Amino acid sequence: MEEKKEAREERNREKLANGDWVMAEFYASWCPHCKRMQPIVEEFKKAMEGTLEVVQVDIDQESALADFYTIEMYPTFILMRKGEQLWRQSGELPLEKLEKAVKEYELKA
């Protein structure tokens, strides 16, 4: 189990550091806000397929990544490009706000 956890954390660390367009969602399985966001995140993943990768990071399973990105509230969304944080927002968000963040930064690239 520990090996799988470490492999997942390393894979996610690599994606966040080097991915072309990545939206990270830092969440906790026990968090009611995160649970309410889950269907929105799934819809966002489908809408963004081919545009960016959505990486979901469970802060309890991948605490080193959560610490590295100074995650203090859940859920926290970070839009990244090649390791650079472009946009960051915490809390429950509508699908439109997530999509708007991507579109704004995509146009600037």
PDB file of N, CA and C in Angstrom:
ATOM      1  N   MET A   1       0.830  -1.199   0.000  1.00  0.00           N
ATOM      2  CA  MET A   1       0.000   0.000   0.000  1.00  0.00           C
ATOM      3  C   MET A   1       0.873   1.260   0.000  1.00  0.00           C
ATOM      4  N   GLU A   2       1.879   1.268   0.861  1.00  0.00           N
ATOM      5  CA  GLU A   2       2.766   2.440   0.965  1.00  0.00           C
ATOM      6  C   GLU A   2       3.469   2.713  -0.360  1.00  0.00           C
ATOM      7  N   GLU A   3       3.886   1.649  -1.045  1.00  0.00           N
ATOM      8  CA  GLU A   3       4.571   1.817  -2.328  1.00  0.00           C
ATOM      9  C   GLU A   3       3.642   2.453  -3.361  1.00  0.00           C
ATOM     10  N   LYS A   4       2.380   2.017  -3.399  1.00  0.00           N
ATOM     11  CA  LYS A   4       1.412   2.591  -4.328  1.00  0.00           C
ATOM     12  C   LYS A   4       1.214   4.073  -4.045  1.00  0.00           C
ATOM     13  N   LYS A   5       1.093   4.425  -2.774  1.00  0.00           N
ATOM     14  CA  LYS A   5       0.901   5.819  -2.363  1.00  0.00           C
ATOM     15  C   LYS A   5       2.085   6.668  -2.825  1.00  0.00           C
ATOM     16  N   GLU A   6       3.291   6.169  -2.611  1.00  0.00           N
ATOM     17  CA  GLU A   6       4.490   6.904  -3.019  1.00  0.00           C
ATOM     18  C   GLU A   6       4.560   7.038  -4.533  1.00  0.00           C
ATOM     19  N   ALA A   7       4.187   5.994  -5.260  1.00  0.00           N
ATOM     20  CA  ALA A   7       4.212   6.039  -6.723  1.00  0.00           C
ATOM     21  C   ALA A   7       3.204   7.072  -7.231  1.00  0.00           C
ATOM     22  N   ARG A   8       2.009   7.111  -6.634  1.00  0.00           N
ATOM     23  CA  ARG A   8       0.984   8.075  -7.035  1.00  0.00           C
ATOM     24  C   ARG A   8       1.458   9.503  -6.742  1.00  0.00           C
ATOM     25  N   GLU A   9       2.034   9.693  -5.565  1.00  0.00           N
ATOM     26  CA  GLU A   9       2.504  11.030  -5.204  1.00  0.00           C
ATOM     27  C   GLU A   9       3.622  11.487  -6.141  1.00  0.00           C
ATOM     28  N   GLU A  10       4.521  10.595  -6.490  1.00  0.00           N
ATOM     29  CA  GLU A  10       5.611  10.941  -7.404  1.00  0.00           C
ATOM     30  C   GLU A  10       5.078  11.255  -8.801  1.00  0.00           C
ATOM     31  N   ARG A  11       4.120  10.458  -9.263  1.00  0.00           N
ATOM     32  CA  ARG A  11       3.512  10.696 -10.578  1.00  0.00           C
ATOM     33  C   ARG A  11       2.803  12.062 -10.595  1.00  0.00           C
ATOM     34  N   ASN A  12       2.045  12.364  -9.546  1.00  0.00           N
ATOM     35  CA  ASN A  12       1.358  13.653  -9.481  1.00  0.00           C
ATOM     36  C   ASN A  12       2.345  14.811  -9.362  1.00  0.00           C
ATOM     37  N   ARG A  13       3.407  14.623  -8.598  1.00  0.00           N
ATOM     38  CA  ARG A  13       4.436  15.666  -8.471  1.00  0.00           C
ATOM     39  C   ARG A  13       5.041  15.984  -9.850  1.00  0.00           C
ATOM     40  N   GLU A  14       5.305  14.931 -10.618  1.00  0.00           N
ATOM     41  CA  GLU A  14       5.868  15.081 -11.960  1.00  0.00           C
ATOM     42  C   GLU A  14       4.894  15.823 -12.882  1.00  0.00           C
ATOM     43  N   LYS A  15       3.612  15.445 -12.837  1.00  0.00           N
ATOM     44  CA  LYS A  15       2.605  16.102 -13.676  1.00  0.00           C
ATOM     45  C   LYS A  15       2.484  17.583 -13.327  1.00  0.00           C
ATOM     46  N   LEU A  16       2.466  17.898 -12.047  1.00  0.00           N
ATOM     47  CA  LEU A  16       2.316  19.294 -11.630  1.00  0.00           C
ATOM     48  C   LEU A  16       3.549  20.117 -11.989  1.00  0.00           C
ATOM     49  N   ALA A  17       4.708  19.517 -11.917  1.00  0.00           N
ATOM     50  CA  ALA A  17       5.943  20.247 -12.199  1.00  0.00           C
ATOM     51  C   ALA A  17       6.190  20.441 -13.693  1.00  0.00           C
ATOM     52  N   ASN A  18       5.753  19.483 -14.515  1.00  0.00           N
ATOM     53  CA  ASN A  18       6.136  19.510 -15.929  1.00  0.00           C
ATOM     54  C   ASN A  18       4.991  19.489 -16.926  1.00  0.00           C
ATOM     55  N   GLY A  19       3.767  19.323 -16.459  1.00  0.00           N
ATOM     56  CA  GLY A  19       2.634  19.227 -17.370  1.00  0.00           C
ATOM     57  C   GLY A  19       2.413  20.506 -18.148  1.00  0.00           C
ATOM     58  N   ASP A  20       1.973  20.360 -19.396  1.00  0.00           N
ATOM     59  CA  ASP A  20       1.744  21.529 -20.233  1.00  0.00           C
ATOM     60  C   ASP A  20       0.610  22.382 -19.666  1.00  0.00           C
ATOM     61  N   TRP A  21      -0.563  21.845 -19.539  1.00  0.00           N
ATOM     62  CA  TRP A  21      -1.710  22.525 -18.912  1.00  0.00           C
ATOM     63  C   TRP A  21      -2.297  21.552 -17.901  1.00  0.00           C
ATOM     64  N   VAL A  22      -2.289  21.935 -16.621  1.00  0.00           N
ATOM     65  CA  VAL A  22      -2.766  21.064 -15.554  1.00  0.00           C
ATOM     66  C   VAL A  22      -3.618  21.877 -14.580  1.00  0.00           C
ATOM     67  N   MET A  23      -4.767  21.314 -14.203  1.00  0.00           N
ATOM     68  CA  MET A  23      -5.549  21.869 -13.105  1.00  0.00           C
ATOM     69  C   MET A  23      -5.456  20.863 -11.974  1.00  0.00           C
ATOM     70  N   ALA A  24      -4.875  21.290 -10.864  1.00  0.00           N
ATOM     71  CA  ALA A  24      -4.776  20.419  -9.699  1.00  0.00           C
ATOM     72  C   ALA A  24      -5.936  20.723  -8.764  1.00  0.00           C
ATOM     73  N   GLU A  25      -6.546  19.674  -8.276  1.00  0.00           N
ATOM     74  CA  GLU A  25      -7.553  19.826  -7.221  1.00  0.00           C
ATOM     75  C   GLU A  25      -7.006  19.138  -5.990  1.00  0.00           C
ATOM     76  N   PHE A  26      -6.759  19.914  -4.951  1.00  0.00           N
ATOM     77  CA  PHE A  26      -6.338  19.365  -3.666  1.00  0.00           C
ATOM     78  C   PHE A  26      -7.603  19.218  -2.829  1.00  0.00           C
ATOM     79  N   TYR A  27      -7.878  17.993  -2.400  1.00  0.00           N
ATOM     80  CA  TYR A  27      -9.132  17.719  -1.696  1.00  0.00           C
ATOM     81  C   TYR A  27      -8.885  16.749  -0.544  1.00  0.00           C
ATOM     82  N   ALA A  28      -9.907  16.608   0.303  1.00  0.00           N
ATOM     83  CA  ALA A  28      -9.876  15.617   1.376  1.00  0.00           C
ATOM     84  C   ALA A  28     -11.148  14.790   1.267  1.00  0.00           C
ATOM     85  N   SER A  29     -11.027  13.490   1.448  1.00  0.00           N
ATOM     86  CA  SER A  29     -12.183  12.603   1.294  1.00  0.00           C
ATOM     87  C   SER A  29     -13.251  12.866   2.351  1.00  0.00           C
ATOM     88  N   TRP A  30     -12.863  13.432   3.488  1.00  0.00           N
ATOM     89  CA  TRP A  30     -13.800  13.712   4.582  1.00  0.00           C
ATOM     90  C   TRP A  30     -14.424  15.113   4.493  1.00  0.00           C
ATOM     91  N   CYS A  31     -14.000  15.917   3.540  1.00  0.00           N
ATOM     92  CA  CYS A  31     -14.421  17.314   3.424  1.00  0.00           C
ATOM     93  C   CYS A  31     -15.778  17.423   2.708  1.00  0.00           C
ATOM     94  N   PRO A  32     -16.813  18.002   3.365  1.00  0.00           N
ATOM     95  CA  PRO A  32     -18.126  18.109   2.715  1.00  0.00           C
ATOM     96  C   PRO A  32     -18.099  18.999   1.461  1.00  0.00           C
ATOM     97  N   HIS A  33     -17.292  20.054   1.463  1.00  0.00           N
ATOM     98  CA  HIS A  33     -17.189  20.931   0.285  1.00  0.00           C
ATOM     99  C   HIS A  33     -16.585  20.162  -0.892  1.00  0.00           C
ATOM    100  N   CYS A  34     -15.580  19.349  -0.592  1.00  0.00           N
ATOM    101  CA  CYS A  34     -14.933  18.541  -1.631  1.00  0.00           C
ATOM    102  C   CYS A  34     -15.911  17.529  -2.214  1.00  0.00           C
ATOM    103  N   LYS A  35     -16.715  16.930  -1.357  1.00  0.00           N
ATOM    104  CA  LYS A  35     -17.700  15.955  -1.822  1.00  0.00           C
ATOM    105  C   LYS A  35     -18.713  16.623  -2.745  1.00  0.00           C
ATOM    106  N   ARG A  36     -19.136  17.836  -2.395  1.00  0.00           N
ATOM    107  CA  ARG A  36     -20.092  18.545  -3.252  1.00  0.00           C
ATOM    108  C   ARG A  36     -19.456  18.954  -4.575  1.00  0.00           C
ATOM    109  N   MET A  37     -18.157  19.169  -4.592  1.00  0.00           N
ATOM    110  CA  MET A  37     -17.453  19.561  -5.816  1.00  0.00           C
ATOM    111  C   MET A  37     -17.196  18.387  -6.753  1.00  0.00           C
ATOM    112  N   GLN A  38     -17.251  17.159  -6.256  1.00  0.00           N
ATOM    113  CA  GLN A  38     -16.866  15.991  -7.053  1.00  0.00           C
ATOM    114  C   GLN A  38     -17.603  15.898  -8.386  1.00  0.00           C
ATOM    115  N   PRO A  39     -18.950  16.048  -8.436  1.00  0.00           N
ATOM    116  CA  PRO A  39     -19.610  15.975  -9.748  1.00  0.00           C
ATOM    117  C   PRO A  39     -19.197  17.113 -10.681  1.00  0.00           C
ATOM    118  N   ILE A  40     -18.911  18.276 -10.122  1.00  0.00           N
ATOM    119  CA  ILE A  40     -18.469  19.423 -10.930  1.00  0.00           C
ATOM    120  C   ILE A  40     -17.077  19.149 -11.494  1.00  0.00           C
ATOM    121  N   VAL A  41     -16.207  18.581 -10.676  1.00  0.00           N
ATOM    122  CA  VAL A  41     -14.850  18.247 -11.130  1.00  0.00           C
ATOM    123  C   VAL A  41     -14.915  17.195 -12.238  1.00  0.00           C
ATOM    124  N   GLU A  42     -15.790  16.208 -12.100  1.00  0.00           N
ATOM    125  CA  GLU A  42     -15.940  15.189 -13.136  1.00  0.00           C
ATOM    126  C   GLU A  42     -16.433  15.815 -14.446  1.00  0.00           C
ATOM    127  N   GLU A  43     -17.385  16.725 -14.345  1.00  0.00           N
ATOM    128  CA  GLU A  43     -17.893  17.411 -15.536  1.00  0.00           C
ATOM    129  C   GLU A  43     -16.795  18.282 -16.161  1.00  0.00           C
ATOM    130  N   PHE A  44     -16.012  18.943 -15.309  1.00  0.00           N
ATOM    131  CA  PHE A  44     -14.901  19.783 -15.764  1.00  0.00           C
ATOM    132  C   PHE A  44     -13.876  18.927 -16.511  1.00  0.00           C
ATOM    133  N   LYS A  45     -13.563  17.751 -15.963  1.00  0.00           N
ATOM    134  CA  LYS A  45     -12.613  16.835 -16.620  1.00  0.00           C
ATOM    135  C   LYS A  45     -13.076  16.513 -18.036  1.00  0.00           C
ATOM    136  N   LYS A  46     -14.359  16.185 -18.184  1.00  0.00           N
ATOM    137  CA  LYS A  46     -14.903  15.846 -19.503  1.00  0.00           C
ATOM    138  C   LYS A  46     -14.846  17.048 -20.434  1.00  0.00           C
ATOM    139  N   ALA A  47     -15.197  18.216 -19.921  1.00  0.00           N
ATOM    140  CA  ALA A  47     -15.217  19.430 -20.745  1.00  0.00           C
ATOM    141  C   ALA A  47     -13.813  19.822 -21.203  1.00  0.00           C
ATOM    142  N   MET A  48     -12.807  19.530 -20.398  1.00  0.00           N
ATOM    143  CA  MET A  48     -11.437  19.958 -20.690  1.00  0.00           C
ATOM    144  C   MET A  48     -10.592  18.879 -21.354  1.00  0.00           C
ATOM    145  N   GLU A  49     -11.187  17.731 -21.620  1.00  0.00           N
ATOM    146  CA  GLU A  49     -10.445  16.634 -22.244  1.00  0.00           C
ATOM    147  C   GLU A  49      -9.798  17.111 -23.538  1.00  0.00           C
ATOM    148  N   GLY A  50      -8.503  16.873 -23.653  1.00  0.00           N
ATOM    149  CA  GLY A  50      -7.765  17.307 -24.830  1.00  0.00           C
ATOM    150  C   GLY A  50      -7.193  18.717 -24.685  1.00  0.00           C
ATOM    151  N   THR A  51      -7.643  19.453 -23.667  1.00  0.00           N
ATOM    152  CA  THR A  51      -7.149  20.821 -23.430  1.00  0.00           C
ATOM    153  C   THR A  51      -6.176  20.842 -22.263  1.00  0.00           C
ATOM    154  N   LEU A  52      -6.575  20.202 -21.165  1.00  0.00           N
ATOM    155  CA  LEU A  52      -5.700  20.140 -20.001  1.00  0.00           C
ATOM    156  C   LEU A  52      -5.981  18.885 -19.213  1.00  0.00           C
ATOM    157  N   GLU A  53      -5.052  18.528 -18.347  1.00  0.00           N
ATOM    158  CA  GLU A  53      -5.202  17.358 -17.486  1.00  0.00           C
ATOM    159  C   GLU A  53      -5.634  17.829 -16.105  1.00  0.00           C
ATOM    160  N   VAL A  54      -6.602  17.147 -15.525  1.00  0.00           N
ATOM    161  CA  VAL A  54      -7.035  17.429 -14.160  1.00  0.00           C
ATOM    162  C   VAL A  54      -6.381  16.389 -13.255  1.00  0.00           C
ATOM    163  N   VAL A  55      -5.616  16.874 -12.279  1.00  0.00           N
ATOM    164  CA  VAL A  55      -4.915  16.004 -11.338  1.00  0.00           C
ATOM    165  C   VAL A  55      -5.562  16.188  -9.974  1.00  0.00           C
ATOM    166  N   GLN A  56      -6.107  15.116  -9.426  1.00  0.00           N
ATOM    167  CA  GLN A  56      -6.746  15.190  -8.116  1.00  0.00           C
ATOM    168  C   GLN A  56      -5.776  14.657  -7.068  1.00  0.00           C
ATOM    169  N   VAL A  57      -5.530  15.480  -6.049  1.00  0.00           N
ATOM    170  CA  VAL A  57      -4.560  15.151  -5.011  1.00  0.00           C
ATOM    171  C   VAL A  57      -5.283  15.071  -3.670  1.00  0.00           C
ATOM    172  N   ASP A  58      -5.336  13.868  -3.101  1.00  0.00           N
ATOM    173  CA  ASP A  58      -5.930  13.661  -1.779  1.00  0.00           C
ATOM    174  C   ASP A  58      -4.899  14.107  -0.746  1.00  0.00           C
ATOM    175  N   ILE A  59      -5.222  15.151  -0.011  1.00  0.00           N
ATOM    176  CA  ILE A  59      -4.230  15.750   0.904  1.00  0.00           C
ATOM    177  C   ILE A  59      -3.829  14.794   2.030  1.00  0.00           C
ATOM    178  N   ASP A  60      -4.689  13.844   2.366  1.00  0.00           N
ATOM    179  CA  ASP A  60      -4.337  12.877   3.406  1.00  0.00           C
ATOM    180  C   ASP A  60      -3.390  11.803   2.866  1.00  0.00           C
ATOM    181  N   GLN A  61      -3.539  11.468   1.584  1.00  0.00           N
ATOM    182  CA  GLN A  61      -2.686  10.448   0.965  1.00  0.00           C
ATOM    183  C   GLN A  61      -1.379  11.046   0.435  1.00  0.00           C
ATOM    184  N   GLU A  62      -1.412  12.320   0.071  1.00  0.00           N
ATOM    185  CA  GLU A  62      -0.252  12.965  -0.557  1.00  0.00           C
ATOM    186  C   GLU A  62       0.073  14.268   0.181  1.00  0.00           C
ATOM    187  N   SER A  63       0.300  14.140   1.473  1.00  0.00           N
ATOM    188  CA  SER A  63       0.512  15.315   2.327  1.00  0.00           C
ATOM    189  C   SER A  63       1.764  16.117   1.954  1.00  0.00           C
ATOM    190  N   ALA A  64       2.780  15.457   1.428  1.00  0.00           N
ATOM    191  CA  ALA A  64       3.992  16.187   1.034  1.00  0.00           C
ATOM    192  C   ALA A  64       3.689  17.167  -0.105  1.00  0.00           C
ATOM    193  N   LEU A  65       2.854  16.750  -1.058  1.00  0.00           N
ATOM    194  CA  LEU A  65       2.460  17.651  -2.150  1.00  0.00           C
ATOM    195  C   LEU A  65       1.602  18.793  -1.619  1.00  0.00           C
ATOM    196  N   ALA A  66       0.674  18.474  -0.719  1.00  0.00           N
ATOM    197  CA  ALA A  66      -0.176  19.507  -0.128  1.00  0.00           C
ATOM    198  C   ALA A  66       0.679  20.519   0.626  1.00  0.00           C
ATOM    199  N   ASP A  67       1.681  20.052   1.341  1.00  0.00           N
ATOM    200  CA  ASP A  67       2.589  20.958   2.061  1.00  0.00           C
ATOM    201  C   ASP A  67       3.410  21.796   1.086  1.00  0.00           C
ATOM    202  N   PHE A  68       3.903  21.165   0.028  1.00  0.00           N
ATOM    203  CA  PHE A  68       4.724  21.864  -0.958  1.00  0.00           C
ATOM    204  C   PHE A  68       3.960  23.026  -1.589  1.00  0.00           C
ATOM    205  N   TYR A  69       2.666  22.820  -1.868  1.00  0.00           N
ATOM    206  CA  TYR A  69       1.853  23.863  -2.489  1.00  0.00           C
ATOM    207  C   TYR A  69       1.094  24.709  -1.460  1.00  0.00           C
ATOM    208  N   THR A  70       1.439  24.541  -0.178  1.00  0.00           N
ATOM    209  CA  THR A  70       0.857  25.317   0.920  1.00  0.00           C
ATOM    210  C   THR A  70      -0.675  25.317   0.856  1.00  0.00           C
ATOM    211  N   ILE A  71      -1.240  24.143   0.877  1.00  0.00           N
ATOM    212  CA  ILE A  71      -2.691  23.985   0.821  1.00  0.00           C
ATOM    213  C   ILE A  71      -3.237  24.109   2.245  1.00  0.00           C
ATOM    214  N   GLU A  72      -4.076  25.118   2.454  1.00  0.00           N
ATOM    215  CA  GLU A  72      -4.634  25.358   3.782  1.00  0.00           C
ATOM    216  C   GLU A  72      -6.147  25.215   3.823  1.00  0.00           C
ATOM    217  N   MET A  73      -6.801  25.274   2.658  1.00  0.00           N
ATOM    218  CA  MET A  73      -8.252  25.126   2.579  1.00  0.00           C
ATOM    219  C   MET A  73      -8.581  24.063   1.541  1.00  0.00           C
ATOM    220  N   TYR A  74      -9.751  23.440   1.702  1.00  0.00           N
ATOM    221  CA  TYR A  74     -10.142  22.375   0.791  1.00  0.00           C
ATOM    222  C   TYR A  74     -11.536  22.650   0.266  1.00  0.00           C
ATOM    223  N   PRO A  75     -11.772  22.378  -0.980  1.00  0.00           N
ATOM    224  CA  PRO A  75     -10.769  22.059  -1.993  1.00  0.00           C
ATOM    225  C   PRO A  75     -10.018  23.317  -2.431  1.00  0.00           C
ATOM    226  N   THR A  76      -8.827  23.124  -2.960  1.00  0.00           N
ATOM    227  CA  THR A  76      -8.057  24.203  -3.579  1.00  0.00           C
ATOM    228  C   THR A  76      -7.724  23.767  -5.000  1.00  0.00           C
ATOM    229  N   PHE A  77      -7.970  24.664  -5.932  1.00  0.00           N
ATOM    230  CA  PHE A  77      -7.695  24.422  -7.342  1.00  0.00           C
ATOM    231  C   PHE A  77      -6.525  25.304  -7.767  1.00  0.00           C
ATOM    232  N   ILE A  78      -5.561  24.713  -8.481  1.00  0.00           N
ATOM    233  CA  ILE A  78      -4.415  25.466  -8.989  1.00  0.00           C
ATOM    234  C   ILE A  78      -4.247  25.137 -10.469  1.00  0.00           C
ATOM    235  N   LEU A  79      -4.310  26.166 -11.300  1.00  0.00           N
ATOM    236  CA  LEU A  79      -4.047  26.010 -12.730  1.00  0.00           C
ATOM    237  C   LEU A  79      -2.554  26.225 -12.934  1.00  0.00           C
ATOM    238  N   MET A  80      -1.922  25.256 -13.588  1.00  0.00           N
ATOM    239  CA  MET A  80      -0.475  25.318 -13.767  1.00  0.00           C
ATOM    240  C   MET A  80      -0.098  25.047 -15.212  1.00  0.00           C
ATOM    241  N   ARG A  81       1.007  25.640 -15.589  1.00  0.00           N
ATOM    242  CA  ARG A  81       1.598  25.355 -16.895  1.00  0.00           C
ATOM    243  C   ARG A  81       3.095  25.218 -16.706  1.00  0.00           C
ATOM    244  N   LYS A  82       3.602  24.033 -16.994  1.00  0.00           N
ATOM    245  CA  LYS A  82       5.041  23.725 -16.852  1.00  0.00           C
ATOM    246  C   LYS A  82       5.566  24.123 -15.469  1.00  0.00           C
ATOM    247  N   GLY A  83       4.767  23.818 -14.428  1.00  0.00           N
ATOM    248  CA  GLY A  83       5.185  24.060 -13.050  1.00  0.00           C
ATOM    249  C   GLY A  83       4.889  25.440 -12.515  1.00  0.00           C
ATOM    250  N   GLU A  84       4.473  26.358 -13.358  1.00  0.00           N
ATOM    251  CA  GLU A  84       4.183  27.720 -12.910  1.00  0.00           C
ATOM    252  C   GLU A  84       2.705  27.837 -12.533  1.00  0.00           C
ATOM    253  N   GLN A  85       2.456  28.350 -11.338  1.00  0.00           N
ATOM    254  CA  GLN A  85       1.083  28.565 -10.901  1.00  0.00           C
ATOM    255  C   GLN A  85       0.534  29.814 -11.580  1.00  0.00           C
ATOM    256  N   LEU A  86      -0.550  29.645 -12.332  1.00  0.00           N
ATOM    257  CA  LEU A  86      -1.159  30.757 -13.049  1.00  0.00           C
ATOM    258  C   LEU A  86      -2.378  31.306 -12.329  1.00  0.00           C
ATOM    259  N   TRP A  87      -3.096  30.428 -11.639  1.00  0.00           N
ATOM    260  CA  TRP A  87      -4.364  30.792 -11.002  1.00  0.00           C
ATOM    261  C   TRP A  87      -4.589  29.847  -9.843  1.00  0.00           C
ATOM    262  N   ARG A  88      -5.189  30.370  -8.782  1.00  0.00           N
ATOM    263  CA  ARG A  88      -5.418  29.548  -7.592  1.00  0.00           C
ATOM    264  C   ARG A  88      -6.680  30.040  -6.905  1.00  0.00           C
ATOM    265  N   GLN A  89      -7.529  29.087  -6.512  1.00  0.00           N
ATOM    266  CA  GLN A  89      -8.775  29.449  -5.835  1.00  0.00           C
ATOM    267  C   GLN A  89      -9.166  28.304  -4.908  1.00  0.00           C
ATOM    268  N   SER A  90      -9.679  28.645  -3.740  1.00  0.00           N
ATOM    269  CA  SER A  90     -10.134  27.629  -2.791  1.00  0.00           C
ATOM    270  C   SER A  90     -11.635  27.724  -2.594  1.00  0.00           C
ATOM    271  N   GLY A  91     -12.224  26.608  -2.186  1.00  0.00           N
ATOM    272  CA  GLY A  91     -13.644  26.571  -1.886  1.00  0.00           C
ATOM    273  C   GLY A  91     -14.447  25.961  -3.021  1.00  0.00           C
ATOM    274  N   GLU A  92     -15.764  25.954  -2.815  1.00  0.00           N
ATOM    275  CA  GLU A  92     -16.667  25.418  -3.834  1.00  0.00           C
ATOM    276  C   GLU A  92     -16.792  26.429  -4.965  1.00  0.00           C
ATOM    277  N   LEU A  93     -16.626  25.955  -6.181  1.00  0.00           N
ATOM    278  CA  LEU A  93     -16.670  26.822  -7.360  1.00  0.00           C
ATOM    279  C   LEU A  93     -17.632  26.253  -8.388  1.00  0.00           C
ATOM    280  N   PRO A  94     -18.325  27.125  -9.120  1.00  0.00           N
ATOM    281  CA  PRO A  94     -19.151  26.617 -10.211  1.00  0.00           C
ATOM    282  C   PRO A  94     -18.262  26.191 -11.384  1.00  0.00           C
ATOM    283  N   LEU A  95     -18.774  25.297 -12.186  1.00  0.00           N
ATOM    284  CA  LEU A  95     -18.066  24.813 -13.367  1.00  0.00           C
ATOM    285  C   LEU A  95     -17.600  25.984 -14.237  1.00  0.00           C
ATOM    286  N   GLU A  96     -18.444  26.980 -14.389  1.00  0.00           N
ATOM    287  CA  GLU A  96     -18.127  28.133 -15.240  1.00  0.00           C
ATOM    288  C   GLU A  96     -16.862  28.857 -14.774  1.00  0.00           C
ATOM    289  N   LYS A  97     -16.666  28.941 -13.459  1.00  0.00           N
ATOM    290  CA  LYS A  97     -15.477  29.639 -12.937  1.00  0.00           C
ATOM    291  C   LYS A  97     -14.201  28.858 -13.264  1.00  0.00           C
ATOM    292  N   LEU A  98     -14.253  27.558 -13.164  1.00  0.00           N
ATOM    293  CA  LEU A  98     -13.095  26.728 -13.519  1.00  0.00           C
ATOM    294  C   LEU A  98     -12.785  26.869 -15.006  1.00  0.00           C
ATOM    295  N   GLU A  99     -13.828  26.792 -15.829  1.00  0.00           N
ATOM    296  CA  GLU A  99     -13.630  26.910 -17.273  1.00  0.00           C
ATOM    297  C   GLU A  99     -13.114  28.294 -17.648  1.00  0.00           C
ATOM    298  N   LYS A 100     -13.614  29.332 -16.997  1.00  0.00           N
ATOM    299  CA  LYS A 100     -13.192  30.703 -17.296  1.00  0.00           C
ATOM    300  C   LYS A 100     -11.705  30.896 -16.982  1.00  0.00           C
ATOM    301  N   ALA A 101     -11.261  30.335 -15.872  1.00  0.00           N
ATOM    302  CA  ALA A 101      -9.832  30.446 -15.516  1.00  0.00           C
ATOM    303  C   ALA A 101      -8.962  29.846 -16.610  1.00  0.00           C
ATOM    304  N   VAL A 102      -9.364  28.689 -17.111  1.00  0.00           N
ATOM    305  CA  VAL A 102      -8.583  28.032 -18.166  1.00  0.00           C
ATOM    306  C   VAL A 102      -8.586  28.887 -19.435  1.00  0.00           C
ATOM    307  N   LYS A 103      -9.747  29.340 -19.824  1.00  0.00           N
ATOM    308  CA  LYS A 103      -9.851  30.131 -21.064  1.00  0.00           C
ATOM    309  C   LYS A 103      -9.043  31.419 -20.979  1.00  0.00           C
ATOM    310  N   GLU A 104      -9.081  32.106 -19.833  1.00  0.00           N
ATOM    311  CA  GLU A 104      -8.322  33.354 -19.680  1.00  0.00           C
ATOM    312  C   GLU A 104      -6.831  33.123 -19.864  1.00  0.00           C
ATOM    313  N   TYR A 105      -6.297  32.084 -19.253  1.00  0.00           N
ATOM    314  CA  TYR A 105      -4.859  31.851 -19.334  1.00  0.00           C
ATOM    315  C   TYR A 105      -4.451  31.209 -20.642  1.00  0.00           C
ATOM    316  N   GLU A 106      -5.343  30.448 -21.230  1.00  0.00           N
ATOM    317  CA  GLU A 106      -5.061  29.847 -22.536  1.00  0.00           C
ATOM    318  C   GLU A 106      -4.870  30.929 -23.581  1.00  0.00           C
ATOM    319  N   LEU A 107      -5.678  31.969 -23.489  1.00  0.00           N
ATOM    320  CA  LEU A 107      -5.572  33.077 -24.442  1.00  0.00           C
ATOM    321  C   LEU A 107      -4.270  33.841 -24.295  1.00  0.00           C
ATOM    322  N   LYS A 108      -3.738  33.886 -23.062  1.00  0.00           N
ATOM    323  CA  LYS A 108      -2.494  34.621 -22.802  1.00  0.00           C
ATOM    324  C   LYS A 108      -1.267  33.850 -23.232  1.00  0.00           C
ATOM    325  N   ALA A 109      -1.423  32.533 -23.389  1.00  0.00           N
ATOM    326  CA  ALA A 109      -0.249  31.683 -23.706  1.00  0.00           C
ATOM    327  C   ALA A 109       0.198  31.859 -25.138  1.00  0.00           C
TER     328      ALA A 109
END
